[in-house]
Amino acid sequence: PPEVIPEMLRRARVDGLDVVHGVRADRSRDTAFKRWTAAGYY
């Protein structure tokens, strides 16, 4: 979601970060196969 971008920019400035990762907290809308393969990859 693009709506997360302002929070990324805010964290970079307030916390002095050079990298802010977008982390998928909920992948329930992905297929079971996609979730399984992604978990194995990471």
All heavy atoms as atom14 arrays in JSON, in Angstrom:
{
  "sequence": "PPEVIPEMLRRARVDGLDVVHGVRADRSRDTAFKRWTAAGYY",
  "atom14_mask": [
    [1, 1, 1, 1, 1, 1, 1, 0, 0, 0, 0, 0, 0, 0],
    [1, 1, 1, 1, 1, 1, 1, 0, 0, 0, 0, 0, 0, 0],
    [1, 1, 1, 1, 1, 1, 1, 1, 1, 0, 0, 0, 0, 0],
    [1, 1, 1, 1, 1, 1, 1, 0, 0, 0, 0, 0, 0, 0],
    [1, 1, 1, 1, 1, 1, 1, 1, 0, 0, 0, 0, 0, 0],
    [1, 1, 1, 1, 1, 1, 1, 0, 0, 0, 0, 0, 0, 0],
    [1, 1, 1, 1, 1, 1, 1, 1, 1, 0, 0, 0, 0, 0],
    [1, 1, 1, 1, 1, 1, 1, 1, 0, 0, 0, 0, 0, 0],
    [1, 1, 1, 1, 1, 1, 1, 1, 0, 0, 0, 0, 0, 0],
    [1, 1, 1, 1, 1, 1, 1, 1, 1, 1, 1, 0, 0, 0],
    [1, 1, 1, 1, 1, 1, 1, 1, 1, 1, 1, 0, 0, 0],
    [1, 1, 1, 1, 1, 0, 0, 0, 0, 0, 0, 0, 0, 0],
    [1, 1, 1, 1, 1, 1, 1, 1, 1, 1, 1, 0, 0, 0],
    [1, 1, 1, 1, 1, 1, 1, 0, 0, 0, 0, 0, 0, 0],
    [1, 1, 1, 1, 1, 1, 1, 1, 0, 0, 0, 0, 0, 0],
    [1, 1, 1, 1, 0, 0, 0, 0, 0, 0, 0, 0, 0, 0],
    [1, 1, 1, 1, 1, 1, 1, 1, 0, 0, 0, 0, 0, 0],
    [1, 1, 1, 1, 1, 1, 1, 1, 0, 0, 0, 0, 0, 0],
    [1, 1, 1, 1, 1, 1, 1, 0, 0, 0, 0, 0, 0, 0],
    [1, 1, 1, 1, 1, 1, 1, 0, 0, 0, 0, 0, 0, 0],
    [1, 1, 1, 1, 1, 1, 1, 1, 1, 1, 0, 0, 0, 0],
    [1, 1, 1, 1, 0, 0, 0, 0, 0, 0, 0, 0, 0, 0],
    [1, 1, 1, 1, 1, 1, 1, 0, 0, 0, 0, 0, 0, 0],
    [1, 1, 1, 1, 1, 1, 1, 1, 1, 1, 1, 0, 0, 0],
    [1, 1, 1, 1, 1, 0, 0, 0, 0, 0, 0, 0, 0, 0],
    [1, 1, 1, 1, 1, 1, 1, 1, 0, 0, 0, 0, 0, 0],
    [1, 1, 1, 1, 1, 1, 1, 1, 1, 1, 1, 0, 0, 0],
    [1, 1, 1, 1, 1, 1, 0, 0, 0, 0, 0, 0, 0, 0],
    [1, 1, 1, 1, 1, 1, 1, 1, 1, 1, 1, 0, 0, 0],
    [1, 1, 1, 1, 1, 1, 1, 1, 0, 0, 0, 0, 0, 0],
    [1, 1, 1, 1, 1, 1, 1, 0, 0, 0, 0, 0, 0, 0],
    [1, 1, 1, 1, 1, 0, 0, 0, 0, 0, 0, 0, 0, 0],
    [1, 1, 1, 1, 1, 1, 1, 1, 1, 1, 1, 0, 0, 0],
    [1, 1, 1, 1, 1, 1, 1, 1, 1, 0, 0, 0, 0, 0],
    [1, 1, 1, 1, 1, 1, 1, 1, 1, 1, 1, 0, 0, 0],
    [1, 1, 1, 1, 1, 1, 1, 1, 1, 1, 1, 1, 1, 1],
    [1, 1, 1, 1, 1, 1, 1, 0, 0, 0, 0, 0, 0, 0],
    [1, 1, 1, 1, 1, 0, 0, 0, 0, 0, 0, 0, 0, 0],
    [1, 1, 1, 1, 1, 0, 0, 0, 0, 0, 0, 0, 0, 0],
    [1, 1, 1, 1, 0, 0, 0, 0, 0, 0, 0, 0, 0, 0],
    [1, 1, 1, 1, 1, 1, 1, 1, 1, 1, 1, 1, 0, 0],
    [1, 1, 1, 1, 1, 1, 1, 1, 1, 1, 1, 1, 0, 0]
  ],
  "atom14_positions": [
    [[0.81, -1.22, 0.0], [0.0, 0.0, 0.0], [0.84, 1.27, 0.0], [1.73, 1.44, 0.85], [-0.81, -0.12, 1.3], [0.01, -0.99, 2.18], [0.72, -1.95, 1.28], [0.0, 0.0, 0.0], [0.0, 0.0, 0.0], [0.0, 0.0, 0.0], [0.0, 0.0, 0.0], [0.0, 0.0, 0.0], [0.0, 0.0, 0.0], [0.0, 0.0, 0.0]],
    [[0.58, 2.21, -0.92], [1.3, 3.5, -0.92], [1.07, 4.29, 0.36], [1.89, 5.15, 0.72], [0.7, 4.23, -2.13], [0.09, 3.17, -2.97], [-0.36, 2.09, -2.04], [0.0, 0.0, 0.0], [0.0, 0.0, 0.0], [0.0, 0.0, 0.0], [0.0, 0.0, 0.0], [0.0, 0.0, 0.0], [0.0, 0.0, 0.0], [0.0, 0.0, 0.0]],
    [[-0.02, 4.04, 1.06], [-0.33, 4.78, 2.28], [0.7, 4.57, 3.38], [0.72, 5.3, 4.38], [-1.72, 4.37, 2.79], [-2.87, 4.82, 1.91], [-3.06, 3.97, 0.66], [-2.43, 2.88, 0.59], [-3.83, 4.37, -0.22], [0.0, 0.0, 0.0], [0.0, 0.0, 0.0], [0.0, 0.0, 0.0], [0.0, 0.0, 0.0], [0.0, 0.0, 0.0]],
    [[1.58, 3.58, 3.22], [2.63, 3.32, 4.22], [3.83, 4.23, 4.01], [4.65, 4.42, 4.92], [3.05, 1.82, 4.14], [4.2, 1.51, 5.1], [1.86, 0.93, 4.47], [0.0, 0.0, 0.0], [0.0, 0.0, 0.0], [0.0, 0.0, 0.0], [0.0, 0.0, 0.0], [0.0, 0.0, 0.0], [0.0, 0.0, 0.0], [0.0, 0.0, 0.0]],
    [[3.96, 4.84, 2.84], [5.14, 5.65, 2.51], [5.36, 6.79, 3.5], [6.5, 7.02, 3.94], [5.06, 6.16, 1.06], [5.16, 4.97, 0.09], [6.16, 7.18, 0.78], [5.01, 5.36, -1.37], [0.0, 0.0, 0.0], [0.0, 0.0, 0.0], [0.0, 0.0, 0.0], [0.0, 0.0, 0.0], [0.0, 0.0, 0.0], [0.0, 0.0, 0.0]],
    [[4.35, 7.57, 3.88], [4.6, 8.64, 4.87], [5.18, 8.13, 6.18], [6.04, 8.78, 6.78], [3.2, 9.24, 5.07], [2.47, 8.96, 3.81], [2.96, 7.61, 3.38], [0.0, 0.0, 0.0], [0.0, 0.0, 0.0], [0.0, 0.0, 0.0], [0.0, 0.0, 0.0], [0.0, 0.0, 0.0], [0.0, 0.0, 0.0], [0.0, 0.0, 0.0]],
    [[4.74, 6.96, 6.64], [5.29, 6.4, 7.87], [6.76, 6.01, 7.67], [7.58, 6.18, 8.6], [4.47, 5.19, 8.31], [4.99, 4.45, 9.53], [5.02, 5.3, 10.79], [4.38, 6.38, 10.82], [5.69, 4.91, 11.76], [0.0, 0.0, 0.0], [0.0, 0.0, 0.0], [0.0, 0.0, 0.0], [0.0, 0.0, 0.0], [0.0, 0.0, 0.0]],
    [[7.1, 5.49, 6.51], [8.5, 5.17, 6.22], [9.36, 6.44, 6.29], [10.44, 6.44, 6.91], [8.62, 4.55, 4.82], [8.12, 3.14, 4.69], [8.33, 2.54, 2.99], [8.21, 0.77, 3.23], [0.0, 0.0, 0.0], [0.0, 0.0, 0.0], [0.0, 0.0, 0.0], [0.0, 0.0, 0.0], [0.0, 0.0, 0.0], [0.0, 0.0, 0.0]],
    [[8.89, 7.5, 5.65], [9.64, 8.75, 5.64], [9.75, 9.33, 7.05], [10.82, 9.83, 7.45], [8.97, 9.74, 4.7], [9.69, 11.07, 4.46], [11.07, 10.84, 3.88], [8.86, 11.96, 3.53], [0.0, 0.0, 0.0], [0.0, 0.0, 0.0], [0.0, 0.0, 0.0], [0.0, 0.0, 0.0], [0.0, 0.0, 0.0], [0.0, 0.0, 0.0]],
    [[8.69, 9.25, 7.81], [8.71, 9.76, 9.18], [9.73, 8.99, 10.03], [10.52, 9.6, 10.77], [7.32, 9.65, 9.8], [7.21, 10.31, 11.17], [5.98, 9.85, 11.91], [6.07, 8.45, 12.3], [6.76, 8.01, 13.36], [7.42, 8.86, 14.13], [6.81, 6.72, 13.64], [0.0, 0.0, 0.0], [0.0, 0.0, 0.0], [0.0, 0.0, 0.0]],
    [[9.73, 7.68, 9.92], [10.67, 6.88, 10.71], [12.11, 7.16, 10.31], [12.99, 7.21, 11.17], [10.36, 5.38, 10.54], [9.13, 4.92, 11.28], [9.34, 3.53, 11.82], [10.51, 3.46, 12.7], [11.07, 2.32, 13.1], [10.58, 1.17, 12.7], [12.11, 2.32, 13.9], [0.0, 0.0, 0.0], [0.0, 0.0, 0.0], [0.0, 0.0, 0.0]],
    [[12.35, 7.33, 9.01], [13.71, 7.62, 8.56], [14.22, 8.93, 9.17], [15.38, 9.02, 9.59], [13.76, 7.69, 7.04], [0.0, 0.0, 0.0], [0.0, 0.0, 0.0], [0.0, 0.0, 0.0], [0.0, 0.0, 0.0], [0.0, 0.0, 0.0], [0.0, 0.0, 0.0], [0.0, 0.0, 0.0], [0.0, 0.0, 0.0], [0.0, 0.0, 0.0]],
    [[13.36, 9.92, 9.24], [13.77, 11.22, 9.77], [13.85, 11.23, 11.29], [14.84, 11.69, 11.87], [12.8, 12.29, 9.28], [12.96, 12.63, 7.81], [11.84, 13.54, 7.35], [12.16, 14.22, 6.09], [11.31, 14.93, 5.39], [10.06, 15.06, 5.81], [11.69, 15.51, 4.27], [0.0, 0.0, 0.0], [0.0, 0.0, 0.0], [0.0, 0.0, 0.0]],
    [[12.83, 10.73, 11.95], [12.76, 10.81, 13.4], [13.79, 9.89, 14.05], [14.47, 10.27, 15.02], [11.34, 10.46, 13.89], [11.31, 10.37, 15.42], [10.35, 11.51, 13.41], [0.0, 0.0, 0.0], [0.0, 0.0, 0.0], [0.0, 0.0, 0.0], [0.0, 0.0, 0.0], [0.0, 0.0, 0.0], [0.0, 0.0, 0.0], [0.0, 0.0, 0.0]],
    [[13.94, 8.69, 13.52], [14.85, 7.71, 14.12], [16.24, 7.7, 13.49], [17.08, 6.9, 13.88], [14.25, 6.3, 14.01], [12.92, 6.19, 14.74], [12.69, 6.98, 15.67], [12.11, 5.31, 14.38], [0.0, 0.0, 0.0], [0.0, 0.0, 0.0], [0.0, 0.0, 0.0], [0.0, 0.0, 0.0], [0.0, 0.0, 0.0], [0.0, 0.0, 0.0]],
    [[16.47, 8.57, 12.51], [17.78, 8.63, 11.88], [18.15, 7.37, 11.12], [19.3, 6.91, 11.19], [0.0, 0.0, 0.0], [0.0, 0.0, 0.0], [0.0, 0.0, 0.0], [0.0, 0.0, 0.0], [0.0, 0.0, 0.0], [0.0, 0.0, 0.0], [0.0, 0.0, 0.0], [0.0, 0.0, 0.0], [0.0, 0.0, 0.0], [0.0, 0.0, 0.0]],
    [[17.2, 6.8, 10.38], [17.42, 5.55, 9.67], [17.74, 5.81, 8.2], [17.21, 6.73, 7.59], [16.17, 4.66, 9.76], [15.69, 4.31, 11.18], [14.41, 3.51, 11.11], [16.77, 3.55, 11.94], [0.0, 0.0, 0.0], [0.0, 0.0, 0.0], [0.0, 0.0, 0.0], [0.0, 0.0, 0.0], [0.0, 0.0, 0.0], [0.0, 0.0, 0.0]],
    [[18.62, 4.98, 7.66], [18.93, 5.05, 6.24], [18.11, 4.06, 5.42], [18.01, 4.19, 4.2], [20.42, 4.77, 6.0], [21.29, 5.93, 6.44], [21.22, 6.99, 5.79], [22.04, 5.78, 7.43], [0.0, 0.0, 0.0], [0.0, 0.0, 0.0], [0.0, 0.0, 0.0], [0.0, 0.0, 0.0], [0.0, 0.0, 0.0], [0.0, 0.0, 0.0]],
    [[17.58, 3.05, 6.07], [16.77, 2.02, 5.39], [15.54, 1.76, 6.24], [15.64, 1.56, 7.45], [17.55, 0.71, 5.2], [16.69, -0.32, 4.47], [18.86, 0.95, 4.46], [0.0, 0.0, 0.0], [0.0, 0.0, 0.0], [0.0, 0.0, 0.0], [0.0, 0.0, 0.0], [0.0, 0.0, 0.0], [0.0, 0.0, 0.0], [0.0, 0.0, 0.0]],
    [[14.37, 1.75, 5.58], [13.14, 1.35, 6.25], [12.48, 0.29, 5.38], [12.07, 0.57, 4.24], [12.17, 2.54, 6.46], [10.91, 2.05, 7.16], [12.84, 3.63, 7.28], [0.0, 0.0, 0.0], [0.0, 0.0, 0.0], [0.0, 0.0, 0.0], [0.0, 0.0, 0.0], [0.0, 0.0, 0.0], [0.0, 0.0, 0.0], [0.0, 0.0, 0.0]],
    [[12.41, -0.93, 5.89], [11.82, -2.04, 5.15], [10.32, -2.1, 5.38], [9.85, -1.93, 6.51], [12.43, -3.37, 5.61], [13.89, -3.49, 5.4], [14.45, -3.77, 4.18], [14.94, -3.35, 6.27], [15.77, -3.82, 4.29], [16.09, -3.57, 5.55], [0.0, 0.0, 0.0], [0.0, 0.0, 0.0], [0.0, 0.0, 0.0], [0.0, 0.0, 0.0]],
    [[9.58, -2.35, 4.32], [8.18, -2.68, 4.45], [8.04, -4.17, 4.69], [8.46, -4.98, 3.85], [0.0, 0.0, 0.0], [0.0, 0.0, 0.0], [0.0, 0.0, 0.0], [0.0, 0.0, 0.0], [0.0, 0.0, 0.0], [0.0, 0.0, 0.0], [0.0, 0.0, 0.0], [0.0, 0.0, 0.0], [0.0, 0.0, 0.0], [0.0, 0.0, 0.0]],
    [[7.52, -4.56, 5.84], [7.45, -5.97, 6.24], [6.0, -6.41, 6.2], [5.11, -5.76, 6.77], [8.03, -6.18, 7.65], [7.86, -7.62, 8.09], [9.51, -5.8, 7.65], [0.0, 0.0, 0.0], [0.0, 0.0, 0.0], [0.0, 0.0, 0.0], [0.0, 0.0, 0.0], [0.0, 0.0, 0.0], [0.0, 0.0, 0.0], [0.0, 0.0, 0.0]],
    [[5.75, -7.53, 5.54], [4.39, -8.05, 5.39], [3.99, -8.79, 6.66], [4.4, -9.92, 6.89], [4.34, -8.99, 4.19], [4.73, -8.29, 2.89], [5.34, -9.25, 1.91], [5.76, -8.58, 0.68], [6.53, -9.15, -0.25], [6.95, -10.39, -0.08], [6.86, -8.49, -1.33], [0.0, 0.0, 0.0], [0.0, 0.0, 0.0], [0.0, 0.0, 0.0]],
    [[3.16, -8.13, 7.47], [2.73, -8.73, 8.73], [1.62, -9.74, 8.52], [1.42, -10.64, 9.34], [2.28, -7.64, 9.7], [0.0, 0.0, 0.0], [0.0, 0.0, 0.0], [0.0, 0.0, 0.0], [0.0, 0.0, 0.0], [0.0, 0.0, 0.0], [0.0, 0.0, 0.0], [0.0, 0.0, 0.0], [0.0, 0.0, 0.0], [0.0, 0.0, 0.0]],
    [[0.88, -9.59, 7.44], [-0.26, -10.49, 7.19], [-0.3, -10.82, 5.71], [-0.5, -9.94, 4.87], [-1.55, -9.81, 7.61], [-2.77, -10.71, 7.45], [-2.59, -11.86, 6.98], [-3.88, -10.28, 7.77], [0.0, 0.0, 0.0], [0.0, 0.0, 0.0], [0.0, 0.0, 0.0], [0.0, 0.0, 0.0], [0.0, 0.0, 0.0], [0.0, 0.0, 0.0]],
    [[-0.09, -12.11, 5.38], [-0.13, -12.55, 3.98], [-1.3, -13.5, 3.76], [-1.24, -14.39, 2.91], [1.19, -13.24, 3.61], [2.41, -12.36, 3.79], [3.65, -13.0, 3.2], [3.57, -13.1, 1.76], [4.63, -13.06, 0.96], [5.83, -12.88, 1.46], [4.5, -13.19, -0.34], [0.0, 0.0, 0.0], [0.0, 0.0, 0.0], [0.0, 0.0, 0.0]],
    [[-2.35, -13.33, 4.54], [-3.48, -14.26, 4.47], [-4.15, -14.23, 3.1], [-4.85, -15.19, 2.74], [-4.49, -13.95, 5.56], [-4.98, -12.62, 5.45], [0.0, 0.0, 0.0], [0.0, 0.0, 0.0], [0.0, 0.0, 0.0], [0.0, 0.0, 0.0], [0.0, 0.0, 0.0], [0.0, 0.0, 0.0], [0.0, 0.0, 0.0], [0.0, 0.0, 0.0]],
    [[-3.99, -13.15, 2.35], [-4.63, -13.07, 1.04], [-3.8, -13.72, -0.06], [-4.25, -13.85, -1.19], [-4.91, -11.61, 0.69], [-5.87, -10.95, 1.68], [-6.38, -9.62, 1.18], [-7.29, -9.02, 2.15], [-7.94, -7.88, 1.95], [-7.76, -7.21, 0.83], [-8.74, -7.4, 2.87], [0.0, 0.0, 0.0], [0.0, 0.0, 0.0], [0.0, 0.0, 0.0]],
    [[-2.57, -14.11, 0.26], [-1.78, -14.89, -0.68], [-2.24, -16.35, -0.63], [-2.82, -16.8, 0.35], [-0.29, -14.82, -0.34], [0.32, -13.46, -0.67], [-0.29, -12.72, -1.47], [1.38, -13.14, -0.11], [0.0, 0.0, 0.0], [0.0, 0.0, 0.0], [0.0, 0.0, 0.0], [0.0, 0.0, 0.0], [0.0, 0.0, 0.0], [0.0, 0.0, 0.0]],
    [[-1.93, -17.08, -1.69], [-2.25, -18.5, -1.69], [-1.38, -19.25, -0.68], [-0.3, -18.78, -0.3], [-2.04, -19.1, -3.08], [-0.64, -19.02, -3.42], [-2.86, -18.36, -4.13], [0.0, 0.0, 0.0], [0.0, 0.0, 0.0], [0.0, 0.0, 0.0], [0.0, 0.0, 0.0], [0.0, 0.0, 0.0], [0.0, 0.0, 0.0], [0.0, 0.0, 0.0]],
    [[-1.84, -20.42, -0.26], [-1.07, -21.21, 0.7], [0.29, -21.57, 0.12], [1.31, -21.57, 0.83], [-1.85, -22.48, 1.08], [0.0, 0.0, 0.0], [0.0, 0.0, 0.0], [0.0, 0.0, 0.0], [0.0, 0.0, 0.0], [0.0, 0.0, 0.0], [0.0, 0.0, 0.0], [0.0, 0.0, 0.0], [0.0, 0.0, 0.0], [0.0, 0.0, 0.0]],
    [[0.34, -21.87, -1.18], [1.61, -22.21, -1.81], [2.56, -21.02, -1.79], [3.76, -21.17, -1.51], [1.37, -22.67, -3.25], [2.63, -22.98, -4.02], [3.32, -24.15, -3.78], [3.13, -22.09, -4.97], [4.49, -24.44, -4.47], [4.28, -22.37, -5.66], [4.97, -23.55, -5.41], [0.0, 0.0, 0.0], [0.0, 0.0, 0.0], [0.0, 0.0, 0.0]],
    [[2.03, -19.82, -2.07], [2.85, -18.62, -2.06], [3.4, -18.35, -0.67], [4.59, -18.02, -0.5], [2.01, -17.43, -2.55], [2.74, -16.09, -2.53], [3.82, -16.02, -3.58], [4.41, -14.63, -3.63], [5.49, -14.52, -4.64], [0.0, 0.0, 0.0], [0.0, 0.0, 0.0], [0.0, 0.0, 0.0], [0.0, 0.0, 0.0], [0.0, 0.0, 0.0]],
    [[2.57, -18.5, 0.35], [3.03, -18.27, 1.72], [4.1, -19.28, 2.11], [5.09, -18.93, 2.76], [1.84, -18.35, 2.69], [0.83, -17.22, 2.54], [-0.08, -17.14, 3.75], [-0.82, -18.38, 3.96], [-2.01, -18.63, 3.45], [-2.6, -17.73, 2.68], [-2.63, -19.77, 3.68], [0.0, 0.0, 0.0], [0.0, 0.0, 0.0], [0.0, 0.0, 0.0]],
    [[3.89, -20.54, 1.71], [4.85, -21.59, 2.08], [6.2, -21.37, 1.4], [7.25, -21.47, 2.03], [4.27, -22.94, 1.69], [5.18, -24.09, 2.02], [5.39, -24.66, 3.23], [6.03, -24.78, 1.09], [6.31, -25.68, 3.14], [6.73, -25.78, 1.83], [6.25, -24.67, -0.28], [7.63, -26.64, 1.23], [7.16, -25.53, -0.87], [7.84, -26.51, -0.13]],
    [[6.19, -21.06, 0.1], [7.45, -20.85, -0.62], [8.16, -19.59, -0.13], [9.39, -19.56, -0.02], [7.2, -20.76, -2.13], [6.2, -19.76, -2.4], [6.74, -22.09, -2.68], [0.0, 0.0, 0.0], [0.0, 0.0, 0.0], [0.0, 0.0, 0.0], [0.0, 0.0, 0.0], [0.0, 0.0, 0.0], [0.0, 0.0, 0.0], [0.0, 0.0, 0.0]],
    [[7.39, -18.52, 0.16], [8.01, -17.29, 0.65], [8.66, -17.52, 2.01], [9.78, -17.05, 2.27], [6.96, -16.18, 0.75], [0.0, 0.0, 0.0], [0.0, 0.0, 0.0], [0.0, 0.0, 0.0], [0.0, 0.0, 0.0], [0.0, 0.0, 0.0], [0.0, 0.0, 0.0], [0.0, 0.0, 0.0], [0.0, 0.0, 0.0], [0.0, 0.0, 0.0]],
    [[7.97, -18.23, 2.89], [8.54, -18.52, 4.21], [9.83, -19.34, 4.07], [10.82, -19.07, 4.77], [7.53, -19.26, 5.07], [0.0, 0.0, 0.0], [0.0, 0.0, 0.0], [0.0, 0.0, 0.0], [0.0, 0.0, 0.0], [0.0, 0.0, 0.0], [0.0, 0.0, 0.0], [0.0, 0.0, 0.0], [0.0, 0.0, 0.0], [0.0, 0.0, 0.0]],
    [[9.84, -20.32, 3.17], [11.04, -21.11, 2.96], [12.18, -20.27, 2.42], [13.35, -20.44, 2.82], [0.0, 0.0, 0.0], [0.0, 0.0, 0.0], [0.0, 0.0, 0.0], [0.0, 0.0, 0.0], [0.0, 0.0, 0.0], [0.0, 0.0, 0.0], [0.0, 0.0, 0.0], [0.0, 0.0, 0.0], [0.0, 0.0, 0.0], [0.0, 0.0, 0.0]],
    [[11.87, -19.36, 1.49], [12.91, -18.49, 0.91], [13.56, -17.62, 1.99], [14.79, -17.54, 2.07], [12.29, -17.61, -0.17], [13.2, -16.53, -0.69], [14.16, -16.81, -1.67], [13.13, -15.23, -0.2], [15.0, -15.84, -2.14], [13.98, -14.24, -0.68], [14.9, -14.54, -1.64], [15.76, -13.57, -2.11], [0.0, 0.0, 0.0], [0.0, 0.0, 0.0]],
    [[12.75, -16.98, 2.83], [13.31, -16.08, 3.84], [14.07, -16.84, 4.92], [15.08, -16.35, 5.42], [12.21, -15.22, 4.45], [11.71, -14.15, 3.5], [10.43, -14.21, 2.95], [12.54, -13.1, 3.11], [9.99, -13.25, 2.05], [12.1, -12.13, 2.22], [10.82, -12.21, 1.69], [10.39, -11.27, 0.81], [0.0, 0.0, 0.0], [0.0, 0.0, 0.0]]
  ]
}
